[in-house]
């Protein structure tokens, strides 16, 4: 990991905004999944198609640039390094899943999706539950960093 200074207020604010935007995306995906197959909001689907992948990518890049190095530096343990690598792996999988969901929703609103509505619903639910879990883990990392910094100590892992 690269050496850098601890998270600052701007980093924390940006991470907070991105996490909130991801959780809002999850609510939109849940709304779409709940609407299948009879009451599909095509405008909401289009919005998700346009925003999901860029938002996820932007958030992941910020986390990998500012959060993970600070967490690794502050924790300095094998467990922290393994946790960061697991989260980076989830980033790759989530990115591919976001692209697949965007393609699927686009095909669905264009009437050319070959998947059943049940399958699309399971895809959406699986994705947004993973994203929610991932955001929760990263919020715990941020909280641990903030508490440790306020107390002038390293993170105990």
N, C-alpha and C. Protein backbone atom coordinates (compact mmCIF):
# COMPACT_ATOMS: atom_id res chain seq x y z
N UNK A 1 0.83 -1.17 0.00
CA UNK A 1 0.00 0.00 0.00
C UNK A 1 0.88 1.24 0.00
N UNK A 2 0.37 2.28 -0.58
CA UNK A 2 1.13 3.52 -0.63
C UNK A 2 0.98 4.25 0.70
N UNK A 3 2.02 5.01 1.04
CA UNK A 3 1.98 5.78 2.27
C UNK A 3 1.32 7.13 1.97
N UNK A 4 0.40 7.53 2.82
CA UNK A 4 -0.26 8.82 2.67
C UNK A 4 -0.74 9.27 4.04
N UNK A 5 -1.12 10.51 4.12
CA UNK A 5 -1.59 11.04 5.39
C UNK A 5 -2.96 10.47 5.71
N UNK A 6 -3.36 10.59 6.99
CA UNK A 6 -4.67 10.07 7.39
C UNK A 6 -5.81 10.74 6.63
N UNK A 7 -6.95 10.10 6.67
CA UNK A 7 -8.15 10.67 6.05
C UNK A 7 -8.37 12.07 6.59
N UNK A 8 -8.73 12.97 5.69
CA UNK A 8 -9.05 14.33 6.12
C UNK A 8 -10.55 14.56 5.98
N UNK A 9 -10.99 15.74 6.37
CA UNK A 9 -12.43 16.05 6.35
C UNK A 9 -13.00 15.96 4.95
N UNK A 10 -12.23 16.39 3.94
CA UNK A 10 -12.72 16.31 2.56
C UNK A 10 -12.89 14.86 2.12
N UNK A 11 -11.91 14.02 2.46
CA UNK A 11 -12.01 12.59 2.13
C UNK A 11 -13.23 11.97 2.79
N UNK A 12 -13.40 12.26 4.07
CA UNK A 12 -14.54 11.71 4.80
C UNK A 12 -15.87 12.17 4.21
N UNK A 13 -15.94 13.44 3.84
CA UNK A 13 -17.18 13.96 3.25
C UNK A 13 -17.45 13.30 1.90
N UNK A 14 -16.41 13.16 1.09
CA UNK A 14 -16.58 12.53 -0.22
C UNK A 14 -17.00 11.07 -0.07
N UNK A 15 -16.36 10.35 0.84
CA UNK A 15 -16.75 8.96 1.08
C UNK A 15 -18.19 8.89 1.57
N UNK A 16 -18.57 9.77 2.45
CA UNK A 16 -19.94 9.78 2.96
C UNK A 16 -20.96 10.04 1.85
N UNK A 17 -20.66 11.01 0.99
CA UNK A 17 -21.57 11.30 -0.13
C UNK A 17 -21.68 10.10 -1.07
N UNK A 18 -20.55 9.49 -1.37
CA UNK A 18 -20.57 8.34 -2.28
C UNK A 18 -21.31 7.16 -1.66
N UNK A 19 -21.07 6.90 -0.38
CA UNK A 19 -21.78 5.80 0.27
C UNK A 19 -23.29 6.07 0.31
N UNK A 20 -23.66 7.32 0.60
CA UNK A 20 -25.09 7.66 0.59
C UNK A 20 -25.69 7.47 -0.81
N UNK A 21 -24.94 7.86 -1.84
CA UNK A 21 -25.42 7.69 -3.22
C UNK A 21 -25.56 6.21 -3.56
N UNK A 22 -24.64 5.38 -3.09
CA UNK A 22 -24.76 3.94 -3.34
C UNK A 22 -25.97 3.35 -2.62
N UNK A 23 -26.22 3.80 -1.40
CA UNK A 23 -27.39 3.30 -0.67
C UNK A 23 -28.68 3.76 -1.32
N UNK A 24 -28.68 4.97 -1.90
CA UNK A 24 -29.84 5.44 -2.65
C UNK A 24 -30.03 4.60 -3.91
N UNK A 25 -28.93 4.26 -4.57
CA UNK A 25 -29.01 3.36 -5.73
C UNK A 25 -29.62 2.03 -5.31
N UNK A 26 -29.24 1.52 -4.17
CA UNK A 26 -29.82 0.26 -3.68
C UNK A 26 -31.33 0.37 -3.49
N UNK A 27 -31.78 1.51 -2.95
CA UNK A 27 -33.23 1.72 -2.80
C UNK A 27 -33.93 1.73 -4.15
N UNK A 28 -33.31 2.33 -5.14
CA UNK A 28 -33.89 2.36 -6.49
C UNK A 28 -33.95 0.96 -7.08
N UNK A 29 -32.89 0.19 -6.89
CA UNK A 29 -32.89 -1.19 -7.39
C UNK A 29 -33.94 -2.02 -6.68
N UNK A 30 -34.11 -1.78 -5.39
CA UNK A 30 -35.13 -2.50 -4.64
C UNK A 30 -36.53 -2.13 -5.15
N UNK A 31 -36.73 -0.86 -5.44
CA UNK A 31 -38.01 -0.42 -5.99
C UNK A 31 -38.28 -1.09 -7.34
N UNK A 32 -37.27 -1.17 -8.17
CA UNK A 32 -37.44 -1.84 -9.47
C UNK A 32 -37.75 -3.31 -9.27
N UNK A 33 -36.99 -3.97 -8.40
CA UNK A 33 -37.21 -5.40 -8.16
C UNK A 33 -38.63 -5.65 -7.64
N UNK A 34 -39.09 -4.79 -6.74
CA UNK A 34 -40.43 -4.95 -6.18
C UNK A 34 -41.52 -4.69 -7.22
N UNK A 35 -41.21 -3.92 -8.26
CA UNK A 35 -42.22 -3.56 -9.26
C UNK A 35 -42.40 -4.64 -10.34
N UNK A 36 -41.46 -5.57 -10.40
CA UNK A 36 -41.52 -6.60 -11.45
C UNK A 36 -42.65 -7.57 -11.18
N UNK A 37 -43.37 -8.02 -12.17
CA UNK A 37 -43.28 -7.70 -13.58
C UNK A 37 -44.32 -6.69 -14.06
N UNK A 38 -45.18 -6.21 -13.18
CA UNK A 38 -46.37 -5.50 -13.65
C UNK A 38 -46.32 -3.98 -13.62
N UNK A 39 -45.44 -3.40 -12.82
CA UNK A 39 -45.47 -1.95 -12.64
C UNK A 39 -44.06 -1.36 -12.77
N UNK A 40 -43.41 -1.60 -13.88
CA UNK A 40 -42.02 -1.21 -14.08
C UNK A 40 -41.94 0.28 -14.42
N UNK A 41 -41.13 0.99 -13.64
CA UNK A 41 -40.89 2.41 -13.87
C UNK A 41 -39.69 2.52 -14.84
N UNK A 42 -39.98 2.71 -16.11
CA UNK A 42 -38.93 2.74 -17.12
C UNK A 42 -37.97 3.90 -16.93
N UNK A 43 -38.48 5.04 -16.47
CA UNK A 43 -37.60 6.18 -16.22
C UNK A 43 -36.60 5.87 -15.11
N UNK A 44 -37.06 5.20 -14.07
CA UNK A 44 -36.16 4.80 -12.98
C UNK A 44 -35.13 3.79 -13.49
N UNK A 45 -35.56 2.86 -14.33
CA UNK A 45 -34.63 1.90 -14.92
C UNK A 45 -33.57 2.61 -15.75
N UNK A 46 -33.98 3.58 -16.55
CA UNK A 46 -33.01 4.34 -17.37
C UNK A 46 -32.01 5.09 -16.48
N UNK A 47 -32.52 5.67 -15.41
CA UNK A 47 -31.65 6.39 -14.48
C UNK A 47 -30.60 5.45 -13.89
N UNK A 48 -31.02 4.27 -13.50
CA UNK A 48 -30.09 3.28 -12.93
C UNK A 48 -29.10 2.82 -13.99
N UNK A 49 -29.58 2.58 -15.21
CA UNK A 49 -28.69 2.16 -16.30
C UNK A 49 -27.57 3.19 -16.48
N UNK A 50 -27.92 4.46 -16.43
CA UNK A 50 -26.94 5.53 -16.66
C UNK A 50 -26.00 5.74 -15.48
N UNK A 51 -26.47 5.52 -14.27
CA UNK A 51 -25.69 5.93 -13.10
C UNK A 51 -24.98 4.81 -12.34
N UNK A 52 -25.45 3.59 -12.42
CA UNK A 52 -24.93 2.53 -11.55
C UNK A 52 -23.43 2.30 -11.71
N UNK A 53 -22.99 2.02 -12.91
CA UNK A 53 -21.58 1.70 -13.12
C UNK A 53 -20.66 2.88 -12.83
N UNK A 54 -20.95 4.09 -13.33
CA UNK A 54 -20.06 5.22 -13.01
C UNK A 54 -20.00 5.52 -11.50
N UNK A 55 -21.13 5.46 -10.83
CA UNK A 55 -21.16 5.74 -9.39
C UNK A 55 -20.34 4.71 -8.63
N UNK A 56 -20.53 3.46 -8.96
CA UNK A 56 -19.78 2.40 -8.29
C UNK A 56 -18.29 2.56 -8.54
N UNK A 57 -17.91 2.80 -9.78
CA UNK A 57 -16.50 2.96 -10.13
C UNK A 57 -15.88 4.15 -9.39
N UNK A 58 -16.58 5.27 -9.36
CA UNK A 58 -16.08 6.47 -8.68
C UNK A 58 -15.87 6.19 -7.19
N UNK A 59 -16.83 5.54 -6.57
CA UNK A 59 -16.74 5.24 -5.15
C UNK A 59 -15.59 4.28 -4.86
N UNK A 60 -15.47 3.25 -5.67
CA UNK A 60 -14.40 2.27 -5.47
C UNK A 60 -13.02 2.90 -5.63
N UNK A 61 -12.86 3.76 -6.62
CA UNK A 61 -11.56 4.41 -6.82
C UNK A 61 -11.21 5.28 -5.62
N UNK A 62 -12.18 6.01 -5.10
CA UNK A 62 -11.94 6.85 -3.93
C UNK A 62 -11.56 5.99 -2.73
N UNK A 63 -12.28 4.91 -2.50
CA UNK A 63 -11.97 4.03 -1.37
C UNK A 63 -10.56 3.46 -1.50
N UNK A 64 -10.21 3.02 -2.69
CA UNK A 64 -8.90 2.40 -2.87
C UNK A 64 -7.78 3.43 -2.80
N UNK A 65 -8.08 4.68 -3.09
CA UNK A 65 -7.07 5.72 -3.07
C UNK A 65 -6.89 6.31 -1.67
N UNK A 66 -7.97 6.48 -0.90
CA UNK A 66 -7.84 7.17 0.39
C UNK A 66 -8.15 6.30 1.61
N UNK A 67 -9.16 5.45 1.53
CA UNK A 67 -9.58 4.69 2.71
C UNK A 67 -8.66 3.49 2.97
N UNK A 68 -8.46 2.67 1.96
CA UNK A 68 -7.70 1.45 2.17
C UNK A 68 -6.26 1.70 2.62
N UNK A 69 -5.53 2.64 2.00
CA UNK A 69 -4.16 2.89 2.47
C UNK A 69 -4.12 3.37 3.93
N UNK A 70 -5.06 4.22 4.30
CA UNK A 70 -5.08 4.72 5.68
C UNK A 70 -5.41 3.60 6.65
N UNK A 71 -6.37 2.76 6.28
CA UNK A 71 -6.73 1.64 7.15
C UNK A 71 -5.55 0.69 7.29
N UNK A 72 -4.88 0.39 6.19
CA UNK A 72 -3.73 -0.52 6.23
C UNK A 72 -2.61 0.06 7.10
N UNK A 73 -2.34 1.35 6.93
CA UNK A 73 -1.30 2.00 7.70
C UNK A 73 -1.65 2.03 9.18
N UNK A 74 -2.89 2.33 9.50
CA UNK A 74 -3.30 2.46 10.88
C UNK A 74 -3.41 1.12 11.59
N UNK A 75 -3.85 0.10 10.88
CA UNK A 75 -4.01 -1.21 11.50
C UNK A 75 -2.69 -1.98 11.50
N UNK A 76 -2.01 -1.93 10.37
CA UNK A 76 -0.70 -2.58 10.28
C UNK A 76 -0.72 -4.06 10.63
N UNK A 77 -1.75 -4.76 10.25
CA UNK A 77 -1.81 -6.18 10.57
C UNK A 77 -2.11 -7.00 9.33
N UNK A 78 -1.81 -8.27 9.43
CA UNK A 78 -2.11 -9.20 8.34
C UNK A 78 -3.62 -9.26 8.09
N UNK A 79 -4.40 -9.23 9.16
CA UNK A 79 -5.85 -9.28 9.03
C UNK A 79 -6.37 -8.09 8.24
N UNK A 80 -5.84 -6.89 8.54
CA UNK A 80 -6.27 -5.70 7.81
C UNK A 80 -5.94 -5.83 6.33
N UNK A 81 -4.74 -6.31 6.04
CA UNK A 81 -4.33 -6.48 4.63
C UNK A 81 -5.25 -7.49 3.93
N UNK A 82 -5.59 -8.57 4.60
CA UNK A 82 -6.49 -9.57 4.01
C UNK A 82 -7.89 -8.99 3.81
N UNK A 83 -8.34 -8.19 4.75
CA UNK A 83 -9.66 -7.57 4.64
C UNK A 83 -9.69 -6.61 3.45
N UNK A 84 -8.65 -5.83 3.28
CA UNK A 84 -8.57 -4.89 2.16
C UNK A 84 -8.56 -5.65 0.84
N UNK A 85 -7.82 -6.72 0.75
CA UNK A 85 -7.79 -7.51 -0.49
C UNK A 85 -9.15 -8.12 -0.78
N UNK A 86 -9.86 -8.55 0.26
CA UNK A 86 -11.22 -9.09 0.05
C UNK A 86 -12.14 -8.01 -0.48
N UNK A 87 -12.05 -6.81 0.09
CA UNK A 87 -12.90 -5.71 -0.37
C UNK A 87 -12.55 -5.30 -1.79
N UNK A 88 -11.27 -5.32 -2.14
CA UNK A 88 -10.88 -5.03 -3.53
C UNK A 88 -11.44 -6.08 -4.48
N UNK A 89 -11.43 -7.34 -4.06
CA UNK A 89 -12.03 -8.40 -4.87
C UNK A 89 -13.52 -8.16 -5.06
N UNK A 90 -14.19 -7.74 -3.99
CA UNK A 90 -15.61 -7.41 -4.09
C UNK A 90 -15.82 -6.24 -5.04
N UNK A 91 -14.91 -5.29 -5.03
CA UNK A 91 -15.01 -4.17 -5.96
C UNK A 91 -15.04 -4.67 -7.40
N UNK A 92 -14.15 -5.58 -7.73
CA UNK A 92 -14.11 -6.11 -9.10
C UNK A 92 -15.42 -6.83 -9.44
N UNK A 93 -15.89 -7.67 -8.53
CA UNK A 93 -17.14 -8.41 -8.78
C UNK A 93 -18.34 -7.47 -8.85
N UNK A 94 -18.39 -6.50 -7.96
CA UNK A 94 -19.50 -5.53 -7.97
C UNK A 94 -19.50 -4.72 -9.25
N UNK A 95 -18.32 -4.35 -9.73
CA UNK A 95 -18.23 -3.59 -10.98
C UNK A 95 -18.79 -4.38 -12.15
N UNK A 96 -18.42 -5.66 -12.23
CA UNK A 96 -18.95 -6.51 -13.30
C UNK A 96 -20.46 -6.70 -13.15
N UNK A 97 -20.91 -6.87 -11.92
CA UNK A 97 -22.34 -7.05 -11.68
C UNK A 97 -23.12 -5.78 -12.05
N UNK A 98 -22.57 -4.62 -11.75
CA UNK A 98 -23.25 -3.36 -12.10
C UNK A 98 -23.39 -3.23 -13.62
N UNK A 99 -22.35 -3.61 -14.33
CA UNK A 99 -22.42 -3.57 -15.79
C UNK A 99 -23.48 -4.54 -16.30
N UNK A 100 -23.52 -5.73 -15.73
CA UNK A 100 -24.51 -6.74 -16.15
C UNK A 100 -25.93 -6.27 -15.83
N UNK A 101 -26.12 -5.67 -14.67
CA UNK A 101 -27.45 -5.16 -14.30
C UNK A 101 -27.87 -4.04 -15.24
N UNK A 102 -26.94 -3.16 -15.56
CA UNK A 102 -27.26 -2.06 -16.49
C UNK A 102 -27.68 -2.61 -17.85
N UNK A 103 -26.93 -3.58 -18.35
CA UNK A 103 -27.27 -4.19 -19.64
C UNK A 103 -28.62 -4.90 -19.58
N UNK A 104 -28.87 -5.58 -18.48
CA UNK A 104 -30.13 -6.32 -18.32
C UNK A 104 -31.32 -5.37 -18.24
N UNK A 105 -31.19 -4.31 -17.44
CA UNK A 105 -32.29 -3.34 -17.33
C UNK A 105 -32.55 -2.65 -18.66
N UNK A 106 -31.48 -2.32 -19.37
CA UNK A 106 -31.64 -1.69 -20.68
C UNK A 106 -32.39 -2.64 -21.63
N UNK A 107 -31.98 -3.89 -21.65
CA UNK A 107 -32.66 -4.88 -22.51
C UNK A 107 -34.11 -5.05 -22.08
N UNK A 108 -34.35 -5.03 -20.78
CA UNK A 108 -35.71 -5.22 -20.27
C UNK A 108 -36.63 -4.08 -20.73
N UNK A 109 -36.18 -2.83 -20.61
CA UNK A 109 -37.06 -1.72 -21.00
C UNK A 109 -37.18 -1.60 -22.51
N UNK A 110 -36.25 -2.20 -23.24
CA UNK A 110 -36.33 -2.22 -24.71
C UNK A 110 -37.08 -3.45 -25.21
N UNK A 111 -37.55 -4.30 -24.28
CA UNK A 111 -38.33 -5.47 -24.66
C UNK A 111 -37.52 -6.60 -25.28
N UNK A 112 -36.23 -6.66 -25.02
CA UNK A 112 -35.41 -7.71 -25.62
C UNK A 112 -34.65 -8.54 -24.58
N UNK A 113 -35.09 -8.49 -23.33
CA UNK A 113 -34.45 -9.28 -22.27
C UNK A 113 -34.98 -10.71 -22.32
N UNK A 114 -34.09 -11.66 -22.33
CA UNK A 114 -34.48 -13.06 -22.41
C UNK A 114 -34.61 -13.71 -21.03
N UNK A 115 -34.27 -12.95 -20.00
CA UNK A 115 -34.38 -13.48 -18.64
C UNK A 115 -35.80 -13.29 -18.12
N UNK A 116 -36.20 -14.19 -17.24
CA UNK A 116 -37.52 -14.04 -16.62
C UNK A 116 -37.48 -12.87 -15.65
N UNK A 117 -38.64 -12.30 -15.36
CA UNK A 117 -38.71 -11.22 -14.39
C UNK A 117 -38.23 -11.71 -13.02
N UNK A 118 -38.51 -12.95 -12.71
CA UNK A 118 -38.06 -13.53 -11.44
C UNK A 118 -36.53 -13.52 -11.37
N UNK A 119 -35.88 -13.90 -12.46
CA UNK A 119 -34.42 -13.90 -12.51
C UNK A 119 -33.86 -12.49 -12.37
N UNK A 120 -34.45 -11.54 -13.07
CA UNK A 120 -34.01 -10.15 -12.98
C UNK A 120 -34.17 -9.66 -11.54
N UNK A 121 -35.27 -9.98 -10.92
CA UNK A 121 -35.49 -9.59 -9.52
C UNK A 121 -34.43 -10.16 -8.60
N UNK A 122 -34.08 -11.44 -8.80
CA UNK A 122 -33.03 -12.05 -7.98
C UNK A 122 -31.68 -11.38 -8.23
N UNK A 123 -31.39 -11.05 -9.48
CA UNK A 123 -30.14 -10.34 -9.80
C UNK A 123 -30.06 -9.02 -9.05
N UNK A 124 -31.13 -8.25 -9.14
CA UNK A 124 -31.14 -6.93 -8.50
C UNK A 124 -31.01 -7.05 -6.99
N UNK A 125 -31.76 -7.98 -6.40
CA UNK A 125 -31.71 -8.15 -4.95
C UNK A 125 -30.34 -8.63 -4.48
N UNK A 126 -29.77 -9.56 -5.19
CA UNK A 126 -28.43 -10.04 -4.83
C UNK A 126 -27.41 -8.92 -4.88
N UNK A 127 -27.49 -8.10 -5.92
CA UNK A 127 -26.54 -7.00 -6.07
C UNK A 127 -26.72 -5.96 -4.97
N UNK A 128 -27.95 -5.49 -4.77
CA UNK A 128 -28.09 -4.41 -3.79
C UNK A 128 -27.81 -4.88 -2.37
N UNK A 129 -28.07 -6.14 -2.06
CA UNK A 129 -27.72 -6.64 -0.73
C UNK A 129 -26.21 -6.70 -0.55
N UNK A 130 -25.48 -7.11 -1.58
CA UNK A 130 -24.01 -7.12 -1.51
C UNK A 130 -23.46 -5.71 -1.36
N UNK A 131 -24.00 -4.77 -2.11
CA UNK A 131 -23.53 -3.39 -2.02
C UNK A 131 -23.81 -2.82 -0.63
N UNK A 132 -24.98 -3.08 -0.09
CA UNK A 132 -25.30 -2.60 1.26
C UNK A 132 -24.33 -3.17 2.30
N UNK A 133 -24.05 -4.46 2.20
CA UNK A 133 -23.13 -5.12 3.12
C UNK A 133 -21.72 -4.52 2.98
N UNK A 134 -21.31 -4.29 1.74
CA UNK A 134 -19.99 -3.74 1.46
C UNK A 134 -19.88 -2.32 2.04
N UNK A 135 -20.87 -1.49 1.81
CA UNK A 135 -20.87 -0.12 2.34
C UNK A 135 -20.82 -0.16 3.87
N UNK A 136 -21.57 -1.06 4.48
CA UNK A 136 -21.57 -1.17 5.94
C UNK A 136 -20.17 -1.52 6.45
N UNK A 137 -19.47 -2.43 5.78
CA UNK A 137 -18.12 -2.81 6.19
C UNK A 137 -17.17 -1.62 6.09
N UNK A 138 -17.31 -0.86 5.01
CA UNK A 138 -16.42 0.29 4.84
C UNK A 138 -16.75 1.41 5.82
N UNK A 139 -18.01 1.56 6.16
CA UNK A 139 -18.36 2.56 7.18
C UNK A 139 -17.77 2.17 8.54
N UNK A 140 -17.73 0.88 8.83
CA UNK A 140 -17.09 0.42 10.07
C UNK A 140 -15.59 0.71 10.05
N UNK A 141 -14.96 0.55 8.88
CA UNK A 141 -13.54 0.89 8.75
C UNK A 141 -13.32 2.37 9.04
N UNK A 142 -14.15 3.20 8.46
CA UNK A 142 -14.03 4.65 8.65
C UNK A 142 -14.22 5.00 10.13
N UNK A 143 -15.23 4.39 10.75
CA UNK A 143 -15.48 4.66 12.17
C UNK A 143 -14.27 4.24 13.02
N UNK A 144 -13.72 3.08 12.72
CA UNK A 144 -12.54 2.61 13.47
C UNK A 144 -11.37 3.57 13.29
N UNK A 145 -11.17 4.05 12.07
CA UNK A 145 -10.09 5.01 11.82
C UNK A 145 -10.31 6.31 12.59
N UNK A 146 -11.52 6.82 12.56
CA UNK A 146 -11.82 8.08 13.24
C UNK A 146 -11.65 7.96 14.74
N UNK A 147 -12.13 6.87 15.32
CA UNK A 147 -12.01 6.66 16.77
C UNK A 147 -10.54 6.51 17.15
N UNK A 148 -9.82 5.69 16.38
CA UNK A 148 -8.40 5.49 16.69
C UNK A 148 -7.62 6.79 16.59
N UNK A 149 -7.91 7.59 15.56
CA UNK A 149 -7.20 8.86 15.40
C UNK A 149 -7.55 9.81 16.53
N UNK A 150 -8.81 9.87 16.91
CA UNK A 150 -9.23 10.76 17.99
C UNK A 150 -8.58 10.37 19.31
N UNK A 151 -8.34 9.07 19.49
CA UNK A 151 -7.73 8.58 20.74
C UNK A 151 -6.21 8.53 20.62
N UNK A 152 -5.67 8.86 19.44
CA UNK A 152 -4.22 8.86 19.25
C UNK A 152 -3.60 7.49 19.31
N UNK A 153 -4.29 6.52 18.77
CA UNK A 153 -3.76 5.15 18.79
C UNK A 153 -3.96 4.49 17.45
N UNK A 154 -3.36 3.30 17.30
CA UNK A 154 -3.56 2.50 16.08
C UNK A 154 -4.83 1.69 16.25
N UNK A 155 -5.33 1.20 15.12
CA UNK A 155 -6.48 0.30 15.15
C UNK A 155 -6.00 -1.05 15.64
N UNK A 156 -6.72 -1.63 16.55
CA UNK A 156 -6.36 -2.95 17.06
C UNK A 156 -7.09 -4.01 16.28
N UNK A 157 -6.34 -4.85 15.59
CA UNK A 157 -6.93 -5.93 14.81
C UNK A 157 -6.20 -7.19 15.11
